[in-house]
Amino acid sequence: MKLYEKTIKTEEIFNGHLLNLRVDDVELPDGGIAKREIISHKGAVAILAVMGQEMIFVKQYRIATKRVLTEIPAGLIDPGEIPEEAAIRECQEEIGYRPLNLFKLGDFFPTPGYCSEKITLFCATEFAYDPKEEDPDEFLKKVKIPMRTARALFVNGLFSDGKTAAALGYYFSLTSRDFF
């Protein structure tokens, strides 16, 4: 049996700035028919900013969760940008620093059951102070957390933001022989 679903029909429901919503009728591998509600997303980047023995996070209110979350800097990839360019821009906008040393940790799909969003995760380890104007509709608080504290928070499941947990998992698994 092939693990593939063939799209038979697509109905566009909503087209917005951040995402588009469609409903697809698909043919299943066994020949059956099903509906799939799909969010199309242009993609994002997230950056684990490591400054010496500290990591820089941002706190912001997320209306979908009705909570203030502690997250790594992140944002959308603008049209015509490559992920590295978006990562540099987002660091400048959100934490006021331009990364001088940026390396890719990996890519992941946070919710592949219904959304095409792919987040590219980076780690930045050297910086120049070079702030850019913040997005006018974002209200962030920059927070420096000692690396040992961030690791303890991560190991104990206290980062509830998925991209932050994923980036910390990649980073600590790459940099610590005794991580688990």
N, C-alpha and C. Protein backbone atom coordinates (compact mmCIF):
# COMPACT_ATOMS: atom_id res chain seq x y z
N MET A 1 0.85 -1.18 0.00
CA MET A 1 0.00 0.00 0.00
C MET A 1 0.89 1.24 0.00
N LYS A 2 0.60 2.16 -0.91
CA LYS A 2 1.33 3.43 -0.96
C LYS A 2 0.79 4.39 0.08
N LEU A 3 1.66 5.05 0.77
CA LEU A 3 1.25 6.07 1.74
C LEU A 3 1.17 7.41 1.03
N TYR A 4 0.07 7.62 0.32
CA TYR A 4 -0.11 8.83 -0.48
C TYR A 4 -1.59 9.13 -0.58
N GLU A 5 -1.93 10.41 -0.52
CA GLU A 5 -3.31 10.84 -0.72
C GLU A 5 -3.35 11.76 -1.93
N LYS A 6 -4.21 11.42 -2.88
CA LYS A 6 -4.34 12.21 -4.11
C LYS A 6 -5.45 13.25 -3.93
N THR A 7 -5.11 14.52 -4.18
CA THR A 7 -6.10 15.59 -4.08
C THR A 7 -7.01 15.55 -5.30
N ILE A 8 -8.32 15.46 -5.03
CA ILE A 8 -9.32 15.41 -6.10
C ILE A 8 -9.91 16.80 -6.35
N LYS A 9 -10.16 17.52 -5.26
CA LYS A 9 -10.81 18.83 -5.36
C LYS A 9 -10.32 19.69 -4.21
N THR A 10 -10.17 20.99 -4.48
CA THR A 10 -9.77 21.95 -3.45
C THR A 10 -10.75 23.10 -3.41
N GLU A 11 -11.19 23.45 -2.20
CA GLU A 11 -12.05 24.62 -2.01
C GLU A 11 -11.30 25.62 -1.12
N GLU A 12 -11.03 26.81 -1.68
CA GLU A 12 -10.37 27.87 -0.91
C GLU A 12 -11.41 28.49 0.02
N ILE A 13 -11.11 28.54 1.31
CA ILE A 13 -12.03 29.08 2.31
C ILE A 13 -11.64 30.49 2.73
N PHE A 14 -10.34 30.71 2.96
CA PHE A 14 -9.87 31.99 3.48
C PHE A 14 -8.45 32.23 3.00
N ASN A 15 -8.16 33.45 2.59
CA ASN A 15 -6.80 33.85 2.22
C ASN A 15 -6.42 35.07 3.05
N GLY A 16 -5.45 34.92 3.92
CA GLY A 16 -5.04 36.01 4.80
C GLY A 16 -3.58 36.35 4.66
N HIS A 17 -3.12 37.26 5.50
CA HIS A 17 -1.71 37.68 5.49
C HIS A 17 -0.80 36.57 6.01
N LEU A 18 -1.20 35.94 7.08
CA LEU A 18 -0.39 34.92 7.74
C LEU A 18 -0.59 33.53 7.15
N LEU A 19 -1.84 33.22 6.80
CA LEU A 19 -2.15 31.86 6.38
C LEU A 19 -3.34 31.84 5.43
N ASN A 20 -3.48 30.71 4.75
CA ASN A 20 -4.64 30.43 3.90
C ASN A 20 -5.26 29.13 4.39
N LEU A 21 -6.58 29.03 4.26
CA LEU A 21 -7.30 27.83 4.67
C LEU A 21 -8.03 27.26 3.47
N ARG A 22 -7.90 25.96 3.28
CA ARG A 22 -8.61 25.28 2.19
C ARG A 22 -9.13 23.94 2.70
N VAL A 23 -10.11 23.40 1.99
CA VAL A 23 -10.61 22.05 2.27
C VAL A 23 -10.37 21.23 1.01
N ASP A 24 -9.63 20.15 1.17
CA ASP A 24 -9.33 19.25 0.06
C ASP A 24 -10.14 17.98 0.18
N ASP A 25 -10.69 17.52 -0.93
CA ASP A 25 -11.22 16.17 -1.02
C ASP A 25 -10.07 15.31 -1.53
N VAL A 26 -9.76 14.23 -0.82
CA VAL A 26 -8.63 13.39 -1.19
C VAL A 26 -9.05 11.94 -1.35
N GLU A 27 -8.32 11.27 -2.23
CA GLU A 27 -8.48 9.82 -2.37
C GLU A 27 -7.43 9.17 -1.48
N LEU A 28 -7.90 8.29 -0.60
CA LEU A 28 -7.02 7.61 0.35
C LEU A 28 -6.30 6.44 -0.30
N PRO A 29 -5.25 5.93 0.32
CA PRO A 29 -4.51 4.80 -0.25
C PRO A 29 -5.38 3.57 -0.52
N ASP A 30 -6.46 3.39 0.26
CA ASP A 30 -7.33 2.23 0.04
C ASP A 30 -8.46 2.51 -0.94
N GLY A 31 -8.46 3.70 -1.57
CA GLY A 31 -9.50 4.06 -2.54
C GLY A 31 -10.64 4.86 -1.96
N GLY A 32 -10.73 4.97 -0.64
CA GLY A 32 -11.78 5.76 -0.02
C GLY A 32 -11.56 7.26 -0.24
N ILE A 33 -12.57 8.03 0.12
CA ILE A 33 -12.53 9.49 -0.04
C ILE A 33 -12.64 10.14 1.35
N ALA A 34 -11.88 11.21 1.55
CA ALA A 34 -11.93 11.93 2.83
C ALA A 34 -11.74 13.42 2.57
N LYS A 35 -12.12 14.21 3.55
CA LYS A 35 -11.90 15.66 3.50
C LYS A 35 -10.73 16.00 4.42
N ARG A 36 -9.90 16.94 3.97
CA ARG A 36 -8.76 17.42 4.76
C ARG A 36 -8.83 18.94 4.84
N GLU A 37 -8.86 19.48 6.06
CA GLU A 37 -8.80 20.92 6.27
C GLU A 37 -7.33 21.29 6.41
N ILE A 38 -6.85 22.14 5.51
CA ILE A 38 -5.42 22.43 5.42
C ILE A 38 -5.16 23.93 5.58
N ILE A 39 -4.22 24.26 6.43
CA ILE A 39 -3.73 25.62 6.55
C ILE A 39 -2.41 25.69 5.78
N SER A 40 -2.35 26.60 4.81
CA SER A 40 -1.11 26.84 4.08
C SER A 40 -0.39 28.01 4.75
N HIS A 41 0.88 27.85 4.98
CA HIS A 41 1.68 28.84 5.70
C HIS A 41 3.00 29.01 4.96
N LYS A 42 3.49 30.25 4.86
CA LYS A 42 4.69 30.51 4.06
C LYS A 42 6.00 30.13 4.74
N GLY A 43 5.97 29.78 6.00
CA GLY A 43 7.18 29.34 6.67
C GLY A 43 7.75 30.39 7.61
N ALA A 44 8.58 29.91 8.53
CA ALA A 44 9.12 30.79 9.56
C ALA A 44 10.51 30.34 9.95
N VAL A 45 11.15 31.20 10.72
CA VAL A 45 12.46 30.88 11.30
C VAL A 45 12.39 31.13 12.80
N ALA A 46 13.27 30.47 13.53
CA ALA A 46 13.39 30.69 14.97
C ALA A 46 14.87 30.56 15.31
N ILE A 47 15.33 31.43 16.20
CA ILE A 47 16.75 31.54 16.47
C ILE A 47 17.04 31.39 17.95
N LEU A 48 17.86 30.41 18.29
CA LEU A 48 18.36 30.27 19.65
C LEU A 48 19.59 31.16 19.77
N ALA A 49 19.47 32.25 20.51
CA ALA A 49 20.54 33.23 20.64
C ALA A 49 21.36 32.92 21.89
N VAL A 50 22.61 32.50 21.68
CA VAL A 50 23.50 32.12 22.78
C VAL A 50 24.59 33.18 22.90
N MET A 51 24.60 33.89 24.04
CA MET A 51 25.61 34.93 24.31
C MET A 51 26.42 34.49 25.51
N GLY A 52 27.57 33.92 25.24
CA GLY A 52 28.40 33.40 26.33
C GLY A 52 27.67 32.29 27.04
N GLN A 53 27.44 32.46 28.33
CA GLN A 53 26.74 31.45 29.11
C GLN A 53 25.27 31.79 29.34
N GLU A 54 24.73 32.69 28.51
CA GLU A 54 23.32 33.06 28.59
C GLU A 54 22.63 32.84 27.26
N MET A 55 21.34 32.66 27.33
CA MET A 55 20.49 32.57 26.14
C MET A 55 19.48 33.71 26.21
N ILE A 56 19.20 34.29 25.04
CA ILE A 56 18.26 35.40 25.00
C ILE A 56 16.91 34.89 24.49
N PHE A 57 15.89 35.13 25.28
CA PHE A 57 14.52 34.76 24.95
C PHE A 57 13.68 36.03 24.88
N VAL A 58 12.47 35.87 24.38
CA VAL A 58 11.50 36.97 24.44
C VAL A 58 10.24 36.44 25.11
N LYS A 59 9.62 37.29 25.88
CA LYS A 59 8.31 36.97 26.46
C LYS A 59 7.29 37.78 25.69
N GLN A 60 6.19 37.11 25.32
CA GLN A 60 5.11 37.84 24.68
C GLN A 60 3.78 37.14 24.91
N TYR A 61 2.74 37.96 24.91
CA TYR A 61 1.39 37.42 25.08
C TYR A 61 0.96 36.81 23.76
N ARG A 62 0.46 35.58 23.83
CA ARG A 62 -0.06 34.88 22.65
C ARG A 62 -1.55 34.69 22.84
N ILE A 63 -2.32 35.41 22.05
CA ILE A 63 -3.78 35.41 22.24
C ILE A 63 -4.38 34.03 22.04
N ALA A 64 -3.82 33.22 21.14
CA ALA A 64 -4.38 31.89 20.90
C ALA A 64 -4.30 31.01 22.15
N THR A 65 -3.27 31.21 22.96
CA THR A 65 -3.12 30.41 24.18
C THR A 65 -3.59 31.15 25.42
N LYS A 66 -3.83 32.46 25.26
CA LYS A 66 -4.22 33.33 26.38
C LYS A 66 -3.17 33.29 27.50
N ARG A 67 -1.90 33.25 27.08
CA ARG A 67 -0.79 33.18 28.04
C ARG A 67 0.40 33.99 27.53
N VAL A 68 1.22 34.42 28.46
CA VAL A 68 2.53 34.96 28.11
C VAL A 68 3.48 33.77 28.00
N LEU A 69 4.13 33.65 26.86
CA LEU A 69 5.06 32.55 26.63
C LEU A 69 6.49 33.07 26.57
N THR A 70 7.41 32.26 27.03
CA THR A 70 8.83 32.54 26.88
C THR A 70 9.30 31.75 25.66
N GLU A 71 9.81 32.49 24.67
CA GLU A 71 10.14 31.89 23.38
C GLU A 71 11.50 32.38 22.90
N ILE A 72 12.05 31.67 21.92
CA ILE A 72 13.22 32.19 21.24
C ILE A 72 12.74 33.17 20.17
N PRO A 73 13.59 34.11 19.75
CA PRO A 73 13.19 35.02 18.68
C PRO A 73 12.78 34.24 17.43
N ALA A 74 11.72 34.73 16.77
CA ALA A 74 11.19 34.00 15.62
C ALA A 74 10.34 34.93 14.77
N GLY A 75 10.06 34.48 13.56
CA GLY A 75 9.17 35.25 12.70
C GLY A 75 9.04 34.63 11.33
N LEU A 76 8.18 35.25 10.54
CA LEU A 76 7.89 34.77 9.20
C LEU A 76 9.04 35.05 8.24
N ILE A 77 9.14 34.21 7.23
CA ILE A 77 10.06 34.45 6.12
C ILE A 77 9.32 35.35 5.13
N ASP A 78 9.87 36.53 4.87
CA ASP A 78 9.24 37.46 3.94
C ASP A 78 9.43 37.00 2.50
N PRO A 79 8.53 37.41 1.60
CA PRO A 79 8.69 37.04 0.18
C PRO A 79 10.07 37.46 -0.33
N GLY A 80 10.74 36.55 -1.01
CA GLY A 80 12.06 36.82 -1.57
C GLY A 80 13.21 36.58 -0.61
N GLU A 81 12.93 36.34 0.65
CA GLU A 81 13.98 36.09 1.65
C GLU A 81 14.33 34.61 1.69
N ILE A 82 15.58 34.34 2.01
CA ILE A 82 15.96 32.97 2.35
C ILE A 82 15.94 32.88 3.88
N PRO A 83 15.84 31.68 4.44
CA PRO A 83 15.72 31.56 5.89
C PRO A 83 16.83 32.26 6.68
N GLU A 84 18.07 32.21 6.20
CA GLU A 84 19.16 32.87 6.92
C GLU A 84 18.94 34.38 7.01
N GLU A 85 18.47 34.98 5.93
CA GLU A 85 18.19 36.43 5.94
C GLU A 85 17.07 36.76 6.93
N ALA A 86 16.04 35.92 6.93
CA ALA A 86 14.93 36.14 7.87
C ALA A 86 15.41 36.01 9.31
N ALA A 87 16.29 35.05 9.57
CA ALA A 87 16.80 34.85 10.93
C ALA A 87 17.59 36.07 11.41
N ILE A 88 18.42 36.62 10.55
CA ILE A 88 19.20 37.81 10.90
C ILE A 88 18.26 38.98 11.18
N ARG A 89 17.29 39.20 10.29
CA ARG A 89 16.33 40.30 10.45
C ARG A 89 15.55 40.16 11.75
N GLU A 90 15.04 38.96 12.02
CA GLU A 90 14.24 38.74 13.23
C GLU A 90 15.06 38.98 14.50
N CYS A 91 16.32 38.58 14.52
CA CYS A 91 17.16 38.86 15.69
C CYS A 91 17.31 40.37 15.89
N GLN A 92 17.54 41.08 14.80
CA GLN A 92 17.69 42.53 14.91
C GLN A 92 16.40 43.18 15.41
N GLU A 93 15.27 42.72 14.92
CA GLU A 93 13.99 43.31 15.32
C GLU A 93 13.62 42.96 16.76
N GLU A 94 13.84 41.71 17.16
CA GLU A 94 13.32 41.25 18.44
C GLU A 94 14.29 41.40 19.61
N ILE A 95 15.60 41.26 19.36
CA ILE A 95 16.54 41.37 20.48
C ILE A 95 17.58 42.47 20.29
N GLY A 96 17.59 43.11 19.11
CA GLY A 96 18.48 44.24 18.88
C GLY A 96 19.90 43.89 18.48
N TYR A 97 20.15 42.63 18.15
CA TYR A 97 21.48 42.20 17.76
C TYR A 97 21.44 41.50 16.41
N ARG A 98 22.51 41.71 15.62
CA ARG A 98 22.67 41.02 14.34
C ARG A 98 23.62 39.84 14.57
N PRO A 99 23.17 38.63 14.25
CA PRO A 99 24.05 37.47 14.42
C PRO A 99 25.24 37.53 13.46
N LEU A 100 26.43 37.25 13.98
CA LEU A 100 27.63 37.17 13.16
C LEU A 100 27.98 35.72 12.86
N ASN A 101 27.57 34.83 13.74
CA ASN A 101 27.79 33.39 13.56
C ASN A 101 26.43 32.70 13.69
N LEU A 102 25.93 32.23 12.57
CA LEU A 102 24.59 31.64 12.52
C LEU A 102 24.71 30.26 11.88
N PHE A 103 24.22 29.24 12.57
CA PHE A 103 24.21 27.92 11.94
C PHE A 103 22.85 27.26 12.12
N LYS A 104 22.52 26.45 11.14
CA LYS A 104 21.22 25.79 11.11
C LYS A 104 21.22 24.59 12.05
N LEU A 105 20.18 24.53 12.88
CA LEU A 105 19.98 23.37 13.76
C LEU A 105 19.13 22.31 13.07
N GLY A 106 18.13 22.72 12.29
CA GLY A 106 17.25 21.77 11.61
C GLY A 106 15.94 22.42 11.22
N ASP A 107 15.12 21.66 10.55
CA ASP A 107 13.78 22.08 10.14
C ASP A 107 12.77 21.16 10.81
N PHE A 108 11.57 21.70 11.07
CA PHE A 108 10.51 20.82 11.53
C PHE A 108 9.15 21.40 11.16
N PHE A 109 8.16 20.51 11.10
CA PHE A 109 6.77 20.87 10.84
C PHE A 109 6.03 20.77 12.17
N PRO A 110 5.62 21.90 12.78
CA PRO A 110 5.00 21.84 14.10
C PRO A 110 3.67 21.11 14.15
N THR A 111 2.86 21.22 13.11
CA THR A 111 1.52 20.60 13.11
C THR A 111 1.21 20.03 11.73
N PRO A 112 1.92 18.98 11.30
CA PRO A 112 1.78 18.48 9.93
C PRO A 112 0.45 17.82 9.62
N GLY A 113 -0.37 17.56 10.61
CA GLY A 113 -1.67 16.96 10.36
C GLY A 113 -2.63 17.88 9.63
N TYR A 114 -2.39 19.19 9.73
CA TYR A 114 -3.31 20.12 9.07
C TYR A 114 -2.64 21.40 8.59
N CYS A 115 -1.32 21.55 8.78
CA CYS A 115 -0.67 22.81 8.42
C CYS A 115 0.66 22.55 7.71
N SER A 116 0.92 23.34 6.66
CA SER A 116 2.16 23.18 5.89
C SER A 116 3.34 23.95 6.47
N GLU A 117 3.14 24.68 7.56
CA GLU A 117 4.22 25.51 8.11
C GLU A 117 5.47 24.68 8.40
N LYS A 118 6.60 25.18 7.88
CA LYS A 118 7.91 24.61 8.20
C LYS A 118 8.70 25.70 8.91
N ILE A 119 9.26 25.36 10.06
CA ILE A 119 10.09 26.30 10.80
C ILE A 119 11.54 25.83 10.69
N THR A 120 12.40 26.75 10.25
CA THR A 120 13.83 26.49 10.20
C THR A 120 14.45 27.05 11.47
N LEU A 121 15.13 26.18 12.20
CA LEU A 121 15.74 26.55 13.47
C LEU A 121 17.22 26.86 13.29
N PHE A 122 17.65 27.96 13.90
CA PHE A 122 19.05 28.37 13.85
C PHE A 122 19.58 28.58 15.27
N CYS A 123 20.89 28.57 15.36
CA CYS A 123 21.57 28.99 16.58
C CYS A 123 22.53 30.11 16.20
N ALA A 124 22.53 31.17 16.97
CA ALA A 124 23.45 32.28 16.77
C ALA A 124 24.34 32.38 18.00
N THR A 125 25.66 32.55 17.78
CA THR A 125 26.57 32.54 18.92
C THR A 125 27.47 33.77 19.02
N GLU A 126 27.47 34.63 18.04
CA GLU A 126 28.24 35.88 18.11
C GLU A 126 27.35 36.98 17.56
N PHE A 127 27.47 38.19 18.13
CA PHE A 127 26.53 39.25 17.76
C PHE A 127 27.20 40.61 17.68
N ALA A 128 26.58 41.49 16.90
CA ALA A 128 26.90 42.92 16.89
C ALA A 128 25.62 43.66 17.24
N TYR A 129 25.74 44.66 18.09
CA TYR A 129 24.57 45.46 18.42
C TYR A 129 24.15 46.21 17.16
N ASP A 130 22.95 45.93 16.66
CA ASP A 130 22.48 46.50 15.39
C ASP A 130 20.96 46.37 15.32
N PRO A 131 20.24 47.11 16.17
CA PRO A 131 18.78 46.95 16.21
C PRO A 131 18.09 47.47 14.96
N LYS A 132 17.00 46.82 14.61
CA LYS A 132 16.09 47.28 13.57
C LYS A 132 14.77 47.62 14.24
N GLU A 133 13.97 48.40 13.54
CA GLU A 133 12.66 48.77 14.09
C GLU A 133 11.82 47.53 14.32
N GLU A 134 11.22 47.46 15.50
CA GLU A 134 10.36 46.33 15.84
C GLU A 134 9.07 46.40 15.03
N ASP A 135 8.43 45.25 14.84
CA ASP A 135 7.12 45.24 14.21
C ASP A 135 6.16 46.04 15.09
N PRO A 136 5.34 46.92 14.49
CA PRO A 136 4.49 47.79 15.30
C PRO A 136 3.41 47.06 16.09
N ASP A 137 3.08 45.84 15.70
CA ASP A 137 2.03 45.11 16.41
C ASP A 137 2.58 44.03 17.34
N GLU A 138 3.89 44.04 17.58
CA GLU A 138 4.49 43.08 18.51
C GLU A 138 4.98 43.80 19.75
N PHE A 139 4.67 43.23 20.89
CA PHE A 139 5.11 43.78 22.17
C PHE A 139 5.87 42.68 22.90
N LEU A 140 7.19 42.82 22.94
CA LEU A 140 8.07 41.79 23.46
C LEU A 140 8.87 42.31 24.64
N LYS A 141 9.24 41.40 25.51
CA LYS A 141 10.17 41.71 26.59
C LYS A 141 11.35 40.76 26.44
N LYS A 142 12.54 41.32 26.23
CA LYS A 142 13.75 40.52 26.09
C LYS A 142 14.18 40.01 27.46
N VAL A 143 14.55 38.72 27.53
CA VAL A 143 14.93 38.09 28.79
C VAL A 143 16.19 37.26 28.57
N LYS A 144 17.21 37.51 29.39
CA LYS A 144 18.42 36.68 29.36
C LYS A 144 18.31 35.63 30.46
N ILE A 145 18.54 34.38 30.08
CA ILE A 145 18.46 33.28 31.04
C ILE A 145 19.80 32.54 31.00
N PRO A 146 20.42 32.30 32.16
CA PRO A 146 21.66 31.53 32.17
C PRO A 146 21.43 30.16 31.50
N MET A 147 22.45 29.71 30.77
CA MET A 147 22.31 28.47 30.02
C MET A 147 21.94 27.29 30.92
N ARG A 148 22.53 27.20 32.09
CA ARG A 148 22.20 26.10 33.01
C ARG A 148 20.73 26.14 33.42
N THR A 149 20.22 27.34 33.65
CA THR A 149 18.81 27.49 34.02
C THR A 149 17.92 27.11 32.85
N ALA A 150 18.27 27.57 31.66
CA ALA A 150 17.48 27.23 30.46
C ALA A 150 17.45 25.72 30.25
N ARG A 151 18.60 25.08 30.45
CA ARG A 151 18.66 23.62 30.30
C ARG A 151 17.76 22.93 31.32
N ALA A 152 17.80 23.39 32.56
CA ALA A 152 16.96 22.79 33.61
C ALA A 152 15.48 23.01 33.30
N LEU A 153 15.13 24.20 32.86
CA LEU A 153 13.73 24.47 32.49
C LEU A 153 13.29 23.55 31.35
N PHE A 154 14.17 23.38 30.35
CA PHE A 154 13.85 22.52 29.22
C PHE A 154 13.68 21.06 29.66
N VAL A 155 14.64 20.55 30.40
CA VAL A 155 14.60 19.15 30.84
C VAL A 155 13.35 18.87 31.67
N ASN A 156 12.89 19.86 32.40
CA ASN A 156 11.70 19.69 33.23
C ASN A 156 10.40 20.06 32.51
N GLY A 157 10.48 20.27 31.20
CA GLY A 157 9.27 20.51 30.40
C GLY A 157 8.60 21.85 30.65
N LEU A 158 9.37 22.87 31.01
CA LEU A 158 8.76 24.14 31.37
C LEU A 158 8.73 25.17 30.25
N PHE A 159 9.23 24.82 29.06
CA PHE A 159 9.05 25.67 27.89
C PHE A 159 7.87 25.09 27.11
N SER A 160 6.75 25.79 27.10
CA SER A 160 5.56 25.25 26.43
C SER A 160 5.47 25.63 24.97
N ASP A 161 6.35 26.50 24.49
CA ASP A 161 6.39 26.86 23.07
C ASP A 161 7.17 25.79 22.31
N GLY A 162 6.54 25.22 21.29
CA GLY A 162 7.13 24.09 20.57
C GLY A 162 8.45 24.39 19.87
N LYS A 163 8.53 25.54 19.19
CA LYS A 163 9.76 25.86 18.46
C LYS A 163 10.93 26.07 19.43
N THR A 164 10.63 26.64 20.59
CA THR A 164 11.66 26.85 21.60
C THR A 164 12.14 25.51 22.15
N ALA A 165 11.22 24.63 22.47
CA ALA A 165 11.59 23.31 22.97
C ALA A 165 12.38 22.53 21.92
N ALA A 166 11.97 22.62 20.66
CA ALA A 166 12.69 21.91 19.59
C ALA A 166 14.11 22.45 19.45
N ALA A 167 14.27 23.76 19.43
CA ALA A 167 15.60 24.35 19.28
C ALA A 167 16.50 23.99 20.45
N LEU A 168 15.96 24.05 21.67
CA LEU A 168 16.76 23.68 22.84
C LEU A 168 17.14 22.21 22.80
N GLY A 169 16.23 21.36 22.35
CA GLY A 169 16.53 19.93 22.23
C GLY A 169 17.66 19.68 21.24
N TYR A 170 17.57 20.30 20.06
CA TYR A 170 18.66 20.19 19.08
C TYR A 170 19.97 20.66 19.70
N TYR A 171 19.94 21.87 20.27
CA TYR A 171 21.17 22.49 20.79
C TYR A 171 21.81 21.65 21.89
N PHE A 172 21.02 21.27 22.89
CA PHE A 172 21.60 20.53 24.00
C PHE A 172 22.04 19.13 23.58
N SER A 173 21.36 18.53 22.62
CA SER A 173 21.80 17.21 22.16
C SER A 173 23.11 17.31 21.38
N LEU A 174 23.34 18.44 20.72
CA LEU A 174 24.58 18.63 19.96
C LEU A 174 25.75 19.06 20.84
N THR A 175 25.47 19.71 21.96
CA THR A 175 26.55 20.30 22.76
C THR A 175 26.83 19.58 24.07
N SER A 176 26.02 18.61 24.44
CA SER A 176 26.21 17.95 25.73
C SER A 176 26.27 16.44 25.55
N ARG A 177 27.36 15.85 25.99
CA ARG A 177 27.49 14.39 25.88
C ARG A 177 26.60 13.67 26.87
N ASP A 178 26.28 14.31 27.97
CA ASP A 178 25.47 13.68 29.01
C ASP A 178 24.08 14.29 29.10
N PHE A 179 23.52 14.67 27.96
CA PHE A 179 22.27 15.42 27.98
C PHE A 179 21.13 14.63 28.61
N PHE A 180 20.91 13.40 28.16
CA PHE A 180 19.79 12.62 28.68
C PHE A 180 20.34 11.69 29.70
